[in-house]
Amino acid sequence: MASQHRKPRPAGTRVAGIRTPALATAALTSVALLSQTATAAPSTDDKPSVEEVEKKVDDLYRQAETATEKYNAAKEKTTKQRKQVDTLLDDVAQRAQKLNDAREELGSYAAAQYRTGASAPDTATFLLADTPQDYFDQTQLMGRVTERQKGAVDDYFADQAETMTKRQEAAESLQTLTDSQNDLRTAKATVQKKLSSARALLSQLTAEEKARLAAIEERKRQEAARKAAELAEQQQKAAAEAAAAQQESSDASGSGSTGSTGTDTSSSSPSPSPSPSTDSSYATKAEKALAFARAQIGKPYVWGATGPDSYDCSGLTQAAWKAAGVTLPRVTYDQVNAGTTVSLSSAQPGDLVFFYADVTHVGIYIGNGMMIHAPKPGTYVREESIYYDGESSIHSVVRPA
């Protein structure tokens, strides 16, 4: 019975055969929780680092630029299809008017036949004629009229069939135009969404984080400038070597001509034909394109813009070469095929430099590893190293003229 009145022992934990009091257990639990909290603290804060923000923002701007080129292509396609549809509708309207005129002409033939009895049987026409000669004259006349009517009827049905075909073609073109307009709206919405996401990320940065981000970008600019200087040095060295070789060849040719006798010059070396790099015609056009591009420096980047107050990347290059009398397509992935591809080391002022595997950015080369381009939303047309986003971002160099 005494055992029934015994007080229960406090609950505890045995560790290696030793009973641990509840207070000690609570203390150990608190220490463990604090330890877990301290360890998990960094992961509970979902705010990305400055480096992660920079990468994410760059990715968003690139995606926006890709969507911009799709928008440009859809806009250009929509414009062409609208012109085609308008032409088809005008053609259908003219054909419809022609059919209406043909109907009226056929109606007048029918009325004339009714009034003259031309549709009566030959026997009745003969009996009603004043004289046999009148019958034969009327029959000959009506034969000619009937042939004319038959031709009019045939023309009417041919025009009617062709008009129906044109109407069907116009309906299909209208549907294609509607699809292109939907693509245009989708591309526009994508651009706006990407840009909004980028702005939202940047707006969350503190002043200190913005300063760190600016320092990261400055280091990238310095590295890009260093790479541009290296390329400029390589190009200058190659140009000097080419000039020396040409001079040596010219001297050798001159001495050979001096030592020869007679007037036979057939053995002398022919003058080399100018290569693309020494083509004065291209240089003249390139100067005009570059003069135009330089005049746009400081104007804002606006996606889908082709000037004169703002530009996107391909809008700028298209406008620059248009000033030189050369027509380029609207979008980057068409511009990249609008000329001759050359090596980066052979790049000349005026050449187009394309970027990224999907060819979604372009600038116009000005020499010494530098270019003029419209970089991205929130920036302005400016001179910058072609290595602004790293050497791996350069896709190709194209000579457009």
Protein backbone atom coordinates (compact mmCIF):
# COMPACT_ATOMS: atom_id res chain seq x y z
CA MET A 1 0.00 0.00 0.00
CA ALA A 2 2.90 2.28 0.75
CA SER A 3 4.05 1.87 -2.77
CA GLN A 4 0.73 3.18 -4.01
CA HIS A 5 1.34 6.53 -2.18
CA ARG A 6 4.89 6.92 -3.49
CA LYS A 7 5.38 10.10 -5.54
CA PRO A 8 6.31 9.50 -9.17
CA ARG A 9 9.89 10.31 -10.10
CA PRO A 10 10.47 13.23 -12.43
CA ALA A 11 10.82 12.23 -16.04
CA GLY A 12 14.41 12.28 -17.18
CA THR A 13 16.66 11.04 -19.91
CA ARG A 14 19.24 8.34 -19.47
CA VAL A 15 22.54 8.85 -21.19
CA ALA A 16 24.95 5.95 -20.95
CA GLY A 17 23.07 4.61 -17.94
CA ILE A 18 22.95 7.96 -16.14
CA ARG A 19 19.62 9.63 -15.46
CA THR A 20 19.57 13.30 -16.66
CA PRO A 21 17.30 15.70 -14.81
CA ALA A 22 14.52 17.48 -16.77
CA LEU A 23 16.17 20.86 -16.28
CA ALA A 24 19.34 19.64 -17.92
CA THR A 25 17.31 18.20 -20.77
CA ALA A 26 15.59 21.52 -21.34
CA ALA A 27 18.93 23.30 -21.35
CA LEU A 28 20.34 20.86 -23.91
CA THR A 29 17.24 21.31 -26.07
CA SER A 30 17.62 25.10 -25.97
CA VAL A 31 21.26 24.85 -26.96
CA ALA A 32 20.36 22.56 -29.85
CA LEU A 33 17.63 24.91 -31.05
CA LEU A 34 19.93 27.89 -30.83
CA SER A 35 22.56 25.99 -32.74
CA GLN A 36 20.06 25.06 -35.45
CA THR A 37 18.83 28.66 -35.64
CA ALA A 38 22.35 29.97 -36.01
CA THR A 39 23.11 27.43 -38.70
CA ALA A 40 19.85 28.01 -40.60
CA ALA A 41 19.92 31.81 -40.35
CA PRO A 42 21.57 32.43 -43.73
CA SER A 43 19.12 30.14 -45.54
CA THR A 44 16.04 31.76 -44.04
CA ASP A 45 17.01 35.03 -45.73
CA ASP A 46 16.03 34.52 -49.36
CA LYS A 47 17.57 37.82 -50.51
CA PRO A 48 20.09 37.09 -53.28
CA SER A 49 23.65 38.34 -53.21
CA VAL A 50 24.76 41.31 -55.28
CA GLU A 51 26.54 38.96 -57.68
CA GLU A 52 23.38 36.88 -58.07
CA VAL A 53 21.33 40.03 -58.68
CA GLU A 54 23.81 41.20 -61.30
CA LYS A 55 23.67 37.88 -63.12
CA LYS A 56 19.89 37.68 -62.89
CA VAL A 57 19.44 41.24 -64.17
CA ASP A 58 21.83 40.62 -67.07
CA ASP A 59 19.91 37.45 -67.94
CA LEU A 60 16.61 39.32 -67.84
CA TYR A 61 17.95 42.07 -70.09
CA ARG A 62 19.21 39.47 -72.55
CA GLN A 63 15.85 37.70 -72.52
CA ALA A 64 14.16 41.06 -73.07
CA GLU A 65 16.46 41.75 -76.01
CA THR A 66 15.62 38.34 -77.50
CA ALA A 67 11.93 39.13 -77.11
CA THR A 68 12.56 42.57 -78.64
CA GLU A 69 14.01 41.03 -81.80
CA LYS A 70 10.98 38.73 -82.00
CA TYR A 71 8.77 41.77 -81.56
CA ASN A 72 10.63 43.59 -84.34
CA ALA A 73 10.27 40.60 -86.68
CA ALA A 74 6.55 40.24 -85.90
CA LYS A 75 6.01 43.98 -86.40
CA GLU A 76 7.78 43.93 -89.77
CA LYS A 77 5.81 40.85 -90.83
CA THR A 78 2.55 42.44 -89.72
CA THR A 79 3.28 45.59 -91.71
CA LYS A 80 3.98 43.61 -94.89
CA GLN A 81 0.90 41.43 -94.43
CA ARG A 82 -1.29 44.47 -93.82
CA LYS A 83 -0.15 45.94 -97.16
CA GLN A 84 -0.78 42.59 -98.86
CA VAL A 85 -4.26 42.31 -97.36
CA ASP A 86 -5.12 45.89 -98.34
CA THR A 87 -3.99 45.19 -101.92
CA LEU A 88 -6.06 42.01 -102.08
CA LEU A 89 -9.15 43.73 -100.68
CA ASP A 90 -8.80 46.56 -103.20
CA ASP A 91 -8.47 43.98 -105.98
CA VAL A 92 -11.58 42.13 -104.78
CA ALA A 93 -13.53 45.40 -104.63
CA GLN A 94 -12.54 46.27 -108.21
CA ARG A 95 -13.47 42.79 -109.41
CA ALA A 96 -16.82 43.01 -107.64
CA GLN A 97 -17.55 46.30 -109.40
CA LYS A 98 -16.58 44.72 -112.71
CA LEU A 99 -19.01 41.85 -112.03
CA ASN A 100 -21.79 44.32 -111.27
CA ASP A 101 -21.13 46.12 -114.56
CA ALA A 102 -21.15 42.76 -116.39
CA ARG A 103 -24.50 41.87 -114.80
CA GLU A 104 -26.01 45.13 -116.01
CA GLU A 105 -24.67 44.50 -119.52
CA LEU A 106 -26.12 40.98 -119.58
CA GLY A 107 -29.41 42.36 -118.31
CA SER A 108 -29.52 44.88 -121.16
CA TYR A 109 -28.90 42.05 -123.65
CA ALA A 110 -31.80 40.05 -122.22
CA ALA A 111 -34.11 43.08 -122.35
CA ALA A 112 -33.11 43.79 -125.94
CA GLN A 113 -33.81 40.19 -126.92
CA TYR A 114 -37.23 40.39 -125.34
CA ARG A 115 -38.09 43.64 -127.13
CA THR A 116 -36.84 42.50 -130.56
CA GLY A 117 -38.15 38.95 -130.31
CA ALA A 118 -34.64 37.60 -130.77
CA SER A 119 -35.46 34.79 -128.43
CA ALA A 120 -38.46 33.64 -130.53
CA PRO A 121 -38.21 30.45 -132.59
CA ASP A 122 -36.76 30.79 -136.09
CA THR A 123 -40.13 29.87 -137.70
CA ALA A 124 -41.98 32.59 -135.83
CA THR A 125 -39.26 35.13 -136.69
CA PHE A 126 -39.56 34.21 -140.36
CA LEU A 127 -43.34 34.53 -140.35
CA LEU A 128 -43.23 37.87 -138.56
CA ALA A 129 -40.64 39.35 -140.89
CA ASP A 130 -41.89 41.85 -143.52
CA THR A 131 -39.88 40.25 -146.29
CA PRO A 132 -37.61 37.19 -146.58
CA GLN A 133 -34.64 39.55 -146.98
CA ASP A 134 -35.54 41.21 -143.66
CA TYR A 135 -35.51 37.78 -142.01
CA PHE A 136 -32.06 36.93 -143.35
CA ASP A 137 -30.64 40.36 -142.42
CA GLN A 138 -32.05 40.06 -138.88
CA THR A 139 -30.74 36.51 -138.50
CA GLN A 140 -27.22 37.54 -139.54
CA LEU A 141 -27.28 40.52 -137.17
CA MET A 142 -28.56 38.47 -134.25
CA GLY A 143 -25.87 35.85 -134.92
CA ARG A 144 -23.21 38.49 -134.39
CA VAL A 145 -25.00 39.83 -131.30
CA THR A 146 -25.37 36.31 -129.89
CA GLU A 147 -21.62 35.71 -130.23
CA ARG A 148 -20.94 38.92 -128.39
CA GLN A 149 -23.38 37.97 -125.65
CA LYS A 150 -21.81 34.55 -125.35
CA GLY A 151 -18.39 36.13 -124.92
CA ALA A 152 -19.78 38.49 -122.27
CA VAL A 153 -21.33 35.56 -120.37
CA ASP A 154 -18.08 33.59 -120.53
CA ASP A 155 -16.11 36.60 -119.27
CA TYR A 156 -18.61 37.09 -116.48
CA PHE A 157 -18.28 33.55 -115.14
CA ALA A 158 -14.48 33.62 -115.48
CA ASP A 159 -14.31 36.89 -113.54
CA GLN A 160 -16.71 35.53 -110.94
CA ALA A 161 -14.54 32.44 -110.36
CA GLU A 162 -11.36 34.53 -110.11
CA THR A 163 -13.05 36.95 -107.72
CA MET A 164 -14.04 34.07 -105.44
CA THR A 165 -10.42 32.86 -105.48
CA LYS A 166 -9.17 36.32 -104.56
CA ARG A 167 -11.72 36.58 -101.77
CA GLN A 168 -10.49 33.28 -100.33
CA GLU A 169 -6.90 34.47 -100.60
CA ALA A 170 -7.79 37.69 -98.80
CA ALA A 171 -9.55 35.76 -96.03
CA GLU A 172 -6.48 33.55 -95.52
CA SER A 173 -4.21 36.59 -95.49
CA LEU A 174 -6.42 38.23 -92.89
CA GLN A 175 -6.11 35.13 -90.69
CA THR A 176 -2.33 35.15 -91.09
CA LEU A 177 -2.32 38.84 -90.21
CA THR A 178 -4.34 38.09 -87.07
CA ASP A 179 -1.83 35.40 -86.05
CA SER A 180 1.06 37.82 -86.59
CA GLN A 181 -0.69 40.47 -84.51
CA ASN A 182 -1.10 37.91 -81.71
CA ASP A 183 2.63 37.12 -81.94
CA LEU A 184 3.32 40.83 -81.75
CA ARG A 185 1.26 41.24 -78.59
CA THR A 186 2.91 38.18 -77.01
CA ALA A 187 6.41 39.45 -77.75
CA LYS A 188 5.55 42.89 -76.40
CA ALA A 189 4.14 41.44 -73.19
CA THR A 190 7.26 39.28 -72.75
CA VAL A 191 9.57 42.27 -73.11
CA GLN A 192 7.59 44.30 -70.60
CA LYS A 193 7.53 41.42 -68.11
CA LYS A 194 11.31 40.85 -68.31
CA LEU A 195 12.06 44.54 -67.92
CA SER A 196 9.69 44.84 -64.94
CA SER A 197 11.39 41.90 -63.25
CA ALA A 198 14.82 43.45 -63.79
CA ARG A 199 13.69 46.81 -62.40
CA ALA A 200 12.13 45.10 -59.38
CA LEU A 201 15.38 43.30 -58.57
CA LEU A 202 17.43 46.48 -58.84
CA SER A 203 14.96 48.46 -56.71
CA GLN A 204 15.47 46.04 -53.80
CA LEU A 205 19.19 46.78 -53.52
CA THR A 206 20.46 48.98 -50.71
CA ALA A 207 22.77 51.90 -51.38
CA GLU A 208 25.74 49.78 -50.28
CA GLU A 209 24.69 46.93 -52.58
CA LYS A 210 24.26 49.34 -55.49
CA ALA A 211 27.79 50.60 -54.86
CA ARG A 212 29.10 47.04 -54.89
CA LEU A 213 27.21 46.34 -58.11
CA ALA A 214 28.71 49.45 -59.69
CA ALA A 215 32.18 48.26 -58.63
CA ILE A 216 31.57 44.87 -60.27
CA GLU A 217 30.48 46.55 -63.50
CA GLU A 218 33.52 48.84 -63.39
CA ARG A 219 35.86 45.83 -63.10
CA LYS A 220 34.12 44.29 -66.12
CA ARG A 221 34.56 47.53 -68.09
CA GLN A 222 38.26 47.65 -67.24
CA GLU A 223 38.75 44.06 -68.36
CA ALA A 224 36.81 44.75 -71.57
CA ALA A 225 38.98 47.81 -72.25
CA ARG A 226 42.13 45.74 -71.71
CA LYS A 227 40.93 43.13 -74.22
CA ALA A 228 40.06 45.87 -76.71
CA ALA A 229 43.55 47.32 -76.39
CA GLU A 230 45.05 43.87 -77.04
CA LEU A 231 42.96 43.47 -80.20
CA ALA A 232 43.92 46.98 -81.36
CA GLU A 233 47.60 46.13 -80.90
CA GLN A 234 47.20 42.88 -82.85
CA GLN A 235 45.39 44.65 -85.69
CA GLN A 236 47.98 47.45 -85.85
CA LYS A 237 50.80 44.90 -85.96
CA ALA A 238 49.07 42.92 -88.71
CA ALA A 239 48.45 46.11 -90.70
CA ALA A 240 52.13 47.13 -90.37
CA GLU A 241 53.28 43.70 -91.52
CA ALA A 242 50.92 43.78 -94.50
CA ALA A 243 52.13 47.25 -95.47
CA ALA A 244 55.78 46.14 -95.19
CA ALA A 245 55.11 43.07 -97.32
CA GLN A 246 53.34 45.18 -99.93
CA GLN A 247 56.24 47.66 -99.98
CA GLU A 248 58.74 44.83 -100.34
CA SER A 249 56.74 43.37 -103.21
CA SER A 250 56.52 46.77 -104.87
CA ASP A 251 60.29 47.33 -104.51
CA ALA A 252 61.03 43.89 -105.97
CA SER A 253 58.68 44.57 -108.88
CA GLY A 254 60.32 47.95 -109.50
CA SER A 255 63.86 46.58 -109.51
CA GLY A 256 62.81 43.81 -111.89
CA SER A 257 61.35 46.35 -114.30
CA THR A 258 64.55 48.45 -114.17
CA GLY A 259 66.73 45.46 -115.00
CA SER A 260 64.61 44.31 -117.93
CA THR A 261 65.31 45.36 -121.53
CA GLY A 262 62.97 46.33 -124.30
CA THR A 263 59.39 47.39 -123.98
CA ASP A 264 57.92 43.98 -123.15
CA THR A 265 56.22 44.28 -119.77
CA SER A 266 54.36 41.00 -119.90
CA SER A 267 56.76 39.42 -117.41
CA SER A 268 56.10 42.05 -114.75
CA SER A 269 53.77 41.10 -111.91
CA PRO A 270 50.19 42.26 -112.36
CA SER A 271 48.77 44.68 -109.83
CA PRO A 272 46.97 42.80 -107.10
CA SER A 273 43.22 43.28 -107.05
CA PRO A 274 42.00 45.14 -103.97
CA SER A 275 40.86 42.92 -101.13
CA PRO A 276 37.77 43.70 -99.09
CA SER A 277 40.01 45.25 -96.42
CA THR A 278 41.46 47.76 -98.92
CA ASP A 279 38.26 48.44 -100.84
CA SER A 280 37.98 52.24 -100.91
CA SER A 281 34.30 52.01 -101.85
CA TYR A 282 33.53 50.12 -98.65
CA ALA A 283 35.63 52.51 -96.58
CA THR A 284 33.69 55.47 -97.96
CA LYS A 285 30.35 53.88 -97.11
CA ALA A 286 31.61 52.82 -93.68
CA GLU A 287 32.66 56.40 -92.90
CA LYS A 288 29.13 57.61 -93.63
CA ALA A 289 27.61 54.84 -91.47
CA LEU A 290 29.98 55.64 -88.59
CA ALA A 291 29.34 59.39 -88.88
CA PHE A 292 25.62 58.71 -88.51
CA ALA A 293 26.17 56.32 -85.58
CA ARG A 294 28.38 58.83 -83.74
CA ALA A 295 25.70 61.48 -84.13
CA GLN A 296 23.27 59.23 -82.24
CA ILE A 297 25.50 58.83 -79.16
CA GLY A 298 23.58 59.84 -76.05
CA LYS A 299 20.15 58.94 -77.40
CA PRO A 300 18.20 56.43 -75.26
CA TYR A 301 17.78 52.75 -75.92
CA VAL A 302 14.10 51.98 -76.46
CA TRP A 303 13.07 48.49 -77.48
CA GLY A 304 11.52 48.36 -80.93
CA ALA A 305 12.75 51.88 -81.81
CA THR A 306 14.33 52.76 -85.17
CA GLY A 307 15.01 56.46 -84.61
CA PRO A 308 15.36 59.29 -84.93
CA ASP A 309 15.04 60.03 -81.20
CA SER A 310 15.77 56.55 -79.82
CA TYR A 311 16.98 53.14 -80.99
CA ASP A 312 17.31 49.51 -80.13
CA CYS A 313 20.48 47.69 -81.21
CA SER A 314 19.42 46.53 -84.69
CA GLY A 315 17.44 49.71 -85.30
CA LEU A 316 20.67 51.70 -84.84
CA THR A 317 22.78 49.58 -87.20
CA GLN A 318 20.02 49.55 -89.82
CA ALA A 319 19.68 53.35 -89.68
CA ALA A 320 23.47 53.88 -89.76
CA TRP A 321 23.99 51.83 -92.90
CA LYS A 322 20.87 53.31 -94.49
CA ALA A 323 22.62 56.69 -94.19
CA ALA A 324 25.41 55.15 -96.28
CA GLY A 325 22.97 53.96 -98.94
CA VAL A 326 22.92 50.32 -97.84
CA THR A 327 19.65 48.63 -96.90
CA LEU A 328 19.85 46.16 -94.02
CA PRO A 329 17.05 43.91 -92.71
CA ARG A 330 15.30 44.97 -89.51
CA VAL A 331 16.34 42.25 -87.07
CA THR A 332 19.70 40.89 -85.93
CA TYR A 333 19.22 37.33 -87.13
CA ASP A 334 18.56 38.65 -90.65
CA GLN A 335 21.30 41.29 -90.52
CA VAL A 336 23.88 38.61 -89.69
CA ASN A 337 23.24 37.10 -93.14
CA ALA A 338 23.32 40.43 -94.98
CA GLY A 339 27.02 40.53 -95.81
CA THR A 340 30.35 38.70 -95.74
CA THR A 341 31.57 37.10 -92.53
CA VAL A 342 35.13 38.07 -91.59
CA SER A 343 37.40 37.10 -88.71
CA LEU A 344 37.52 39.26 -85.61
CA SER A 345 41.19 40.06 -86.24
CA SER A 346 40.23 41.34 -89.72
CA ALA A 347 37.40 43.56 -88.49
CA GLN A 348 37.23 46.95 -90.20
CA PRO A 349 35.44 50.14 -89.11
CA GLY A 350 31.82 49.84 -90.21
CA ASP A 351 31.61 46.06 -89.79
CA LEU A 352 28.77 44.66 -87.71
CA VAL A 353 29.67 42.74 -84.56
CA PHE A 354 27.03 40.22 -83.42
CA PHE A 355 26.68 38.73 -79.97
CA TYR A 356 25.39 35.57 -78.27
CA ALA A 357 24.51 32.19 -79.68
CA ASP A 358 21.00 33.32 -80.60
CA VAL A 359 22.35 36.47 -82.34
CA THR A 360 20.25 38.91 -80.35
CA HIS A 361 22.60 41.90 -80.13
CA VAL A 362 24.65 43.91 -82.62
CA GLY A 363 26.99 46.89 -82.67
CA ILE A 364 28.93 48.74 -85.38
CA TYR A 365 32.71 48.42 -85.16
CA ILE A 366 34.74 51.65 -85.05
CA GLY A 367 38.23 50.17 -84.74
CA ASN A 368 40.67 49.46 -81.90
CA GLY A 369 38.38 46.85 -80.37
CA MET A 370 35.58 49.39 -79.86
CA MET A 371 32.05 49.75 -81.21
CA ILE A 372 29.01 52.02 -81.09
CA HIS A 373 25.83 50.28 -79.94
CA ALA A 374 22.54 50.69 -78.13
CA PRO A 375 23.21 48.38 -75.16
CA LYS A 376 19.98 47.75 -73.24
CA PRO A 377 16.97 49.43 -71.59
CA GLY A 378 17.92 52.20 -69.21
CA THR A 379 21.09 53.05 -71.15
CA TYR A 380 22.07 55.29 -74.04
CA VAL A 381 23.79 54.83 -77.39
CA ARG A 382 27.50 54.84 -76.60
CA GLU A 383 31.00 53.74 -77.54
CA GLU A 384 32.08 50.58 -75.76
CA SER A 385 34.50 47.69 -75.99
CA ILE A 386 33.30 44.76 -78.08
CA TYR A 387 34.29 42.65 -75.06
CA TYR A 388 31.74 44.41 -72.84
CA ASP A 389 30.11 41.08 -71.98
CA GLY A 390 33.18 38.88 -72.30
CA GLU A 391 34.98 37.41 -75.28
CA SER A 392 32.72 34.34 -75.34
CA SER A 393 29.68 36.51 -76.06
CA ILE A 394 30.98 37.56 -79.50
CA HIS A 395 29.21 35.55 -82.19
CA SER A 396 30.58 36.86 -85.49
CA VAL A 397 31.69 39.88 -87.53
CA VAL A 398 29.93 40.73 -90.81
CA ARG A 399 30.87 43.23 -93.53
CA PRO A 400 27.51 44.45 -94.84
CA ALA A 401 28.47 46.29 -98.04
